[in-house]
Amino acid sequence: MLECTAVLLGIVAVCMIFVHSLTVNLALGATAEYTGLQATFGYTAKGTLVDVVHFSFSFMNLLSYLLVLAAVVLVVLRLANVVKAKAVDWIAVILFVVAGVLFFLMPQLAVSELYNGVTKTLAVGAILSAVFSLVAGALVCVKAVLKK
């Protein structure tokens, strides 16, 4: 049951890529919000005269989502008894925790020439992804400790 919940939380954490994950504080109190997809794979605003690149591809932001997916796959393989090694649980725990930390670092890891020197903060998508990933890691850890 704990592992199934961890898998569900991992999937939800990855789905948070479509939710606002990054807020940029602009001049005069204005803000701009970007999804995890835009902060990870880049975002260019198309204008009539010029295209403005807000974000470029960020491998470290992509890595956070890939680590969660890898952890989910390991937990599913363990649930299906394809892999019987107990070390797989601990590897999944490490992957979930590292991904959770990387989600919290999304503003620092976002690659942007346009927003250098401007304050970038976490938005709801990155925060929820981090929390879901860390909770999933804790659930797998509890299951690994309690499993004989």
C-alpha atoms as a PDB file:
ATOM      1  CA  MET A   1       0.000   0.000   0.000  1.00  0.00           C
ATOM      2  CA  LEU A   2       2.800   2.428   0.863  1.00  0.00           C
ATOM      3  CA  GLU A   3       4.593   1.682  -2.396  1.00  0.00           C
ATOM      4  CA  CYS A   4       1.416   2.223  -4.433  1.00  0.00           C
ATOM      5  CA  THR A   5       0.961   5.602  -2.768  1.00  0.00           C
ATOM      6  CA  ALA A   6       4.595   6.441  -3.519  1.00  0.00           C
ATOM      7  CA  VAL A   7       4.071   5.564  -7.192  1.00  0.00           C
ATOM      8  CA  LEU A   8       0.952   7.738  -7.333  1.00  0.00           C
ATOM      9  CA  LEU A   9       2.756  10.662  -5.667  1.00  0.00           C
ATOM     10  CA  GLY A  10       5.659  10.268  -8.086  1.00  0.00           C
ATOM     11  CA  ILE A  11       3.341  10.403 -11.078  1.00  0.00           C
ATOM     12  CA  VAL A  12       1.596  13.484  -9.682  1.00  0.00           C
ATOM     13  CA  ALA A  13       4.989  15.119  -9.055  1.00  0.00           C
ATOM     14  CA  VAL A  14       5.906  14.636 -12.708  1.00  0.00           C
ATOM     15  CA  CYS A  15       2.501  15.943 -13.846  1.00  0.00           C
ATOM     16  CA  MET A  16       3.217  19.181 -11.971  1.00  0.00           C
ATOM     17  CA  ILE A  17       5.458  20.102 -14.935  1.00  0.00           C
ATOM     18  CA  PHE A  18       2.296  21.621 -16.474  1.00  0.00           C
ATOM     19  CA  VAL A  19       1.585  23.884 -13.458  1.00  0.00           C
ATOM     20  CA  HIS A  20       3.183  27.261 -12.708  1.00  0.00           C
ATOM     21  CA  SER A  21       6.534  26.392 -11.140  1.00  0.00           C
ATOM     22  CA  LEU A  22       8.562  29.585 -11.378  1.00  0.00           C
ATOM     23  CA  THR A  23       7.724  33.202 -10.623  1.00  0.00           C
ATOM     24  CA  VAL A  24       9.909  36.068 -11.789  1.00  0.00           C
ATOM     25  CA  ASN A  25       9.603  39.345  -9.859  1.00  0.00           C
ATOM     26  CA  LEU A  26       9.854  42.164 -12.366  1.00  0.00           C
ATOM     27  CA  ALA A  27      10.102  45.923 -11.864  1.00  0.00           C
ATOM     28  CA  LEU A  28       7.326  47.896 -10.182  1.00  0.00           C
ATOM     29  CA  GLY A  29       5.867  44.853  -8.440  1.00  0.00           C
ATOM     30  CA  ALA A  30       4.935  43.013 -11.616  1.00  0.00           C
ATOM     31  CA  THR A  31       5.439  39.262 -11.789  1.00  0.00           C
ATOM     32  CA  ALA A  32       5.622  36.684 -14.551  1.00  0.00           C
ATOM     33  CA  GLU A  33       4.800  33.014 -13.985  1.00  0.00           C
ATOM     34  CA  TYR A  34       6.183  30.119 -15.991  1.00  0.00           C
ATOM     35  CA  THR A  35       5.318  26.432 -15.971  1.00  0.00           C
ATOM     36  CA  GLY A  36       7.847  23.746 -15.217  1.00  0.00           C
ATOM     37  CA  LEU A  37       7.732  22.833 -18.898  1.00  0.00           C
ATOM     38  CA  GLN A  38       8.777  26.351 -19.898  1.00  0.00           C
ATOM     39  CA  ALA A  39      11.495  26.578 -17.229  1.00  0.00           C
ATOM     40  CA  THR A  40      12.871  23.165 -18.205  1.00  0.00           C
ATOM     41  CA  PHE A  41      12.697  23.045 -22.000  1.00  0.00           C
ATOM     42  CA  GLY A  42      12.865  26.775 -22.668  1.00  0.00           C
ATOM     43  CA  TYR A  43      10.397  29.444 -23.625  1.00  0.00           C
ATOM     44  CA  THR A  44      10.567  31.999 -26.417  1.00  0.00           C
ATOM     45  CA  ALA A  45       7.946  34.709 -26.816  1.00  0.00           C
ATOM     46  CA  LYS A  46       7.196  35.336 -30.471  1.00  0.00           C
ATOM     47  CA  GLY A  47       6.921  39.005 -31.310  1.00  0.00           C
ATOM     48  CA  THR A  48       6.154  40.822 -34.527  1.00  0.00           C
ATOM     49  CA  LEU A  49       9.677  42.191 -34.861  1.00  0.00           C
ATOM     50  CA  VAL A  50      11.817  40.147 -32.525  1.00  0.00           C
ATOM     51  CA  ASP A  51      11.630  36.884 -30.585  1.00  0.00           C
ATOM     52  CA  VAL A  52      12.495  37.144 -26.890  1.00  0.00           C
ATOM     53  CA  VAL A  53      14.083  34.088 -25.260  1.00  0.00           C
ATOM     54  CA  HIS A  54      12.882  33.964 -21.662  1.00  0.00           C
ATOM     55  CA  PHE A  55      14.382  30.587 -20.749  1.00  0.00           C
ATOM     56  CA  SER A  56      16.734  28.113 -22.418  1.00  0.00           C
ATOM     57  CA  PHE A  57      16.895  24.347 -21.932  1.00  0.00           C
ATOM     58  CA  SER A  58      17.898  23.368 -18.386  1.00  0.00           C
ATOM     59  CA  PHE A  59      19.251  19.829 -18.026  1.00  0.00           C
ATOM     60  CA  MET A  60      19.226  19.991 -14.229  1.00  0.00           C
ATOM     61  CA  ASN A  61      15.521  20.835 -14.172  1.00  0.00           C
ATOM     62  CA  LEU A  62      14.898  17.967 -16.584  1.00  0.00           C
ATOM     63  CA  LEU A  63      16.976  15.700 -14.368  1.00  0.00           C
ATOM     64  CA  SER A  64      14.625  16.278 -11.437  1.00  0.00           C
ATOM     65  CA  TYR A  65      11.674  14.959 -13.444  1.00  0.00           C
ATOM     66  CA  LEU A  66      13.712  12.065 -14.859  1.00  0.00           C
ATOM     67  CA  LEU A  67      14.847  11.009 -11.379  1.00  0.00           C
ATOM     68  CA  VAL A  68      11.252  10.817 -10.201  1.00  0.00           C
ATOM     69  CA  LEU A  69      10.301   8.739 -13.246  1.00  0.00           C
ATOM     70  CA  ALA A  70      13.249   6.399 -12.648  1.00  0.00           C
ATOM     71  CA  ALA A  71      12.258   5.987  -9.012  1.00  0.00           C
ATOM     72  CA  VAL A  72       8.662   5.235  -9.992  1.00  0.00           C
ATOM     73  CA  VAL A  73       9.855   2.585 -12.457  1.00  0.00           C
ATOM     74  CA  LEU A  74      12.036   0.972  -9.769  1.00  0.00           C
ATOM     75  CA  VAL A  75       9.172   0.880  -7.282  1.00  0.00           C
ATOM     76  CA  VAL A  76       6.815  -0.610  -9.891  1.00  0.00           C
ATOM     77  CA  LEU A  77       9.405  -3.264 -10.782  1.00  0.00           C
ATOM     78  CA  ARG A  78       9.749  -4.078  -7.093  1.00  0.00           C
ATOM     79  CA  LEU A  79       5.962  -4.274  -6.707  1.00  0.00           C
ATOM     80  CA  ALA A  80       5.692  -6.629  -9.688  1.00  0.00           C
ATOM     81  CA  ASN A  81       8.433  -8.855  -8.224  1.00  0.00           C
ATOM     82  CA  VAL A  82      10.537  -8.410 -11.339  1.00  0.00           C
ATOM     83  CA  VAL A  83      13.392  -7.229  -9.139  1.00  0.00           C
ATOM     84  CA  LYS A  84      13.786  -8.841  -5.739  1.00  0.00           C
ATOM     85  CA  ALA A  85      16.833  -6.992  -4.404  1.00  0.00           C
ATOM     86  CA  LYS A  86      16.166  -4.829  -1.359  1.00  0.00           C
ATOM     87  CA  ALA A  87      18.768  -2.343  -2.602  1.00  0.00           C
ATOM     88  CA  VAL A  88      16.283  -1.264  -5.279  1.00  0.00           C
ATOM     89  CA  ASP A  89      14.100   0.282  -2.563  1.00  0.00           C
ATOM     90  CA  TRP A  90      17.021   2.292  -1.231  1.00  0.00           C
ATOM     91  CA  ILE A  91      17.993   3.431  -4.719  1.00  0.00           C
ATOM     92  CA  ALA A  92      14.401   4.606  -5.245  1.00  0.00           C
ATOM     93  CA  VAL A  93      14.528   6.479  -1.932  1.00  0.00           C
ATOM     94  CA  ILE A  94      17.728   8.246  -2.975  1.00  0.00           C
ATOM     95  CA  LEU A  95      16.259   9.135  -6.385  1.00  0.00           C
ATOM     96  CA  PHE A  96      13.078  10.553  -4.844  1.00  0.00           C
ATOM     97  CA  VAL A  97      14.993  12.626  -2.280  1.00  0.00           C
ATOM     98  CA  VAL A  98      17.520  14.020  -4.771  1.00  0.00           C
ATOM     99  CA  ALA A  99      14.671  14.916  -7.133  1.00  0.00           C
ATOM    100  CA  GLY A 100      12.853  16.677  -4.285  1.00  0.00           C
ATOM    101  CA  VAL A 101      15.914  18.779  -3.543  1.00  0.00           C
ATOM    102  CA  LEU A 102      16.341  19.626  -7.227  1.00  0.00           C
ATOM    103  CA  PHE A 103      12.710  20.741  -7.429  1.00  0.00           C
ATOM    104  CA  PHE A 104      13.366  23.197  -4.606  1.00  0.00           C
ATOM    105  CA  LEU A 105      16.379  24.510  -6.569  1.00  0.00           C
ATOM    106  CA  MET A 106      14.397  25.149  -9.769  1.00  0.00           C
ATOM    107  CA  PRO A 107      14.797  28.970  -9.704  1.00  0.00           C
ATOM    108  CA  GLN A 108      18.570  28.679  -9.416  1.00  0.00           C
ATOM    109  CA  LEU A 109      18.771  25.987 -12.085  1.00  0.00           C
ATOM    110  CA  ALA A 110      16.622  27.767 -14.673  1.00  0.00           C
ATOM    111  CA  VAL A 111      18.788  29.019 -17.552  1.00  0.00           C
ATOM    112  CA  SER A 112      17.882  32.584 -18.489  1.00  0.00           C
ATOM    113  CA  GLU A 113      19.881  35.441 -19.967  1.00  0.00           C
ATOM    114  CA  LEU A 114      16.877  37.759 -19.832  1.00  0.00           C
ATOM    115  CA  TYR A 115      16.320  37.432 -16.087  1.00  0.00           C
ATOM    116  CA  ASN A 116      19.886  37.694 -14.772  1.00  0.00           C
ATOM    117  CA  GLY A 117      19.882  39.729 -11.586  1.00  0.00           C
ATOM    118  CA  VAL A 118      16.106  39.428 -11.229  1.00  0.00           C
ATOM    119  CA  THR A 119      14.577  37.530  -8.323  1.00  0.00           C
ATOM    120  CA  LYS A 120      13.158  34.150  -9.336  1.00  0.00           C
ATOM    121  CA  THR A 121      11.066  32.281  -6.780  1.00  0.00           C
ATOM    122  CA  LEU A 122       9.275  28.958  -6.548  1.00  0.00           C
ATOM    123  CA  ALA A 123       5.638  28.712  -7.507  1.00  0.00           C
ATOM    124  CA  VAL A 124       3.083  26.093  -6.574  1.00  0.00           C
ATOM    125  CA  GLY A 125       4.085  23.476  -9.173  1.00  0.00           C
ATOM    126  CA  ALA A 126       7.700  23.150  -8.083  1.00  0.00           C
ATOM    127  CA  ILE A 127       6.780  23.212  -4.395  1.00  0.00           C
ATOM    128  CA  LEU A 128       4.192  20.457  -4.813  1.00  0.00           C
ATOM    129  CA  SER A 129       6.576  18.404  -6.958  1.00  0.00           C
ATOM    130  CA  ALA A 130       9.240  18.651  -4.276  1.00  0.00           C
ATOM    131  CA  VAL A 131       6.871  17.761  -1.447  1.00  0.00           C
ATOM    132  CA  PHE A 132       5.309  14.850  -3.335  1.00  0.00           C
ATOM    133  CA  SER A 133       8.737  13.516  -4.270  1.00  0.00           C
ATOM    134  CA  LEU A 134      10.057  13.754  -0.711  1.00  0.00           C
ATOM    135  CA  VAL A 135       6.926  12.134   0.730  1.00  0.00           C
ATOM    136  CA  ALA A 136       7.159   9.336  -1.852  1.00  0.00           C
ATOM    137  CA  GLY A 137      10.789   8.801  -0.823  1.00  0.00           C
ATOM    138  CA  ALA A 138       9.768   8.670   2.826  1.00  0.00           C
ATOM    139  CA  LEU A 139       7.032   6.117   2.076  1.00  0.00           C
ATOM    140  CA  VAL A 140       9.424   3.853   0.192  1.00  0.00           C
ATOM    141  CA  CYS A 141      11.955   4.251   3.000  1.00  0.00           C
ATOM    142  CA  VAL A 142       9.368   3.221   5.616  1.00  0.00           C
ATOM    143  CA  LYS A 143       8.396   0.236   3.490  1.00  0.00           C
ATOM    144  CA  ALA A 144      12.061  -0.759   3.061  1.00  0.00           C
ATOM    145  CA  VAL A 145      12.676  -0.567   6.808  1.00  0.00           C
ATOM    146  CA  LEU A 146       9.530  -2.483   7.764  1.00  0.00           C
ATOM    147  CA  LYS A 147       9.870  -5.148   5.057  1.00  0.00           C
ATOM    148  CA  LYS A 148      11.517  -8.358   6.182  1.00  0.00           C
END
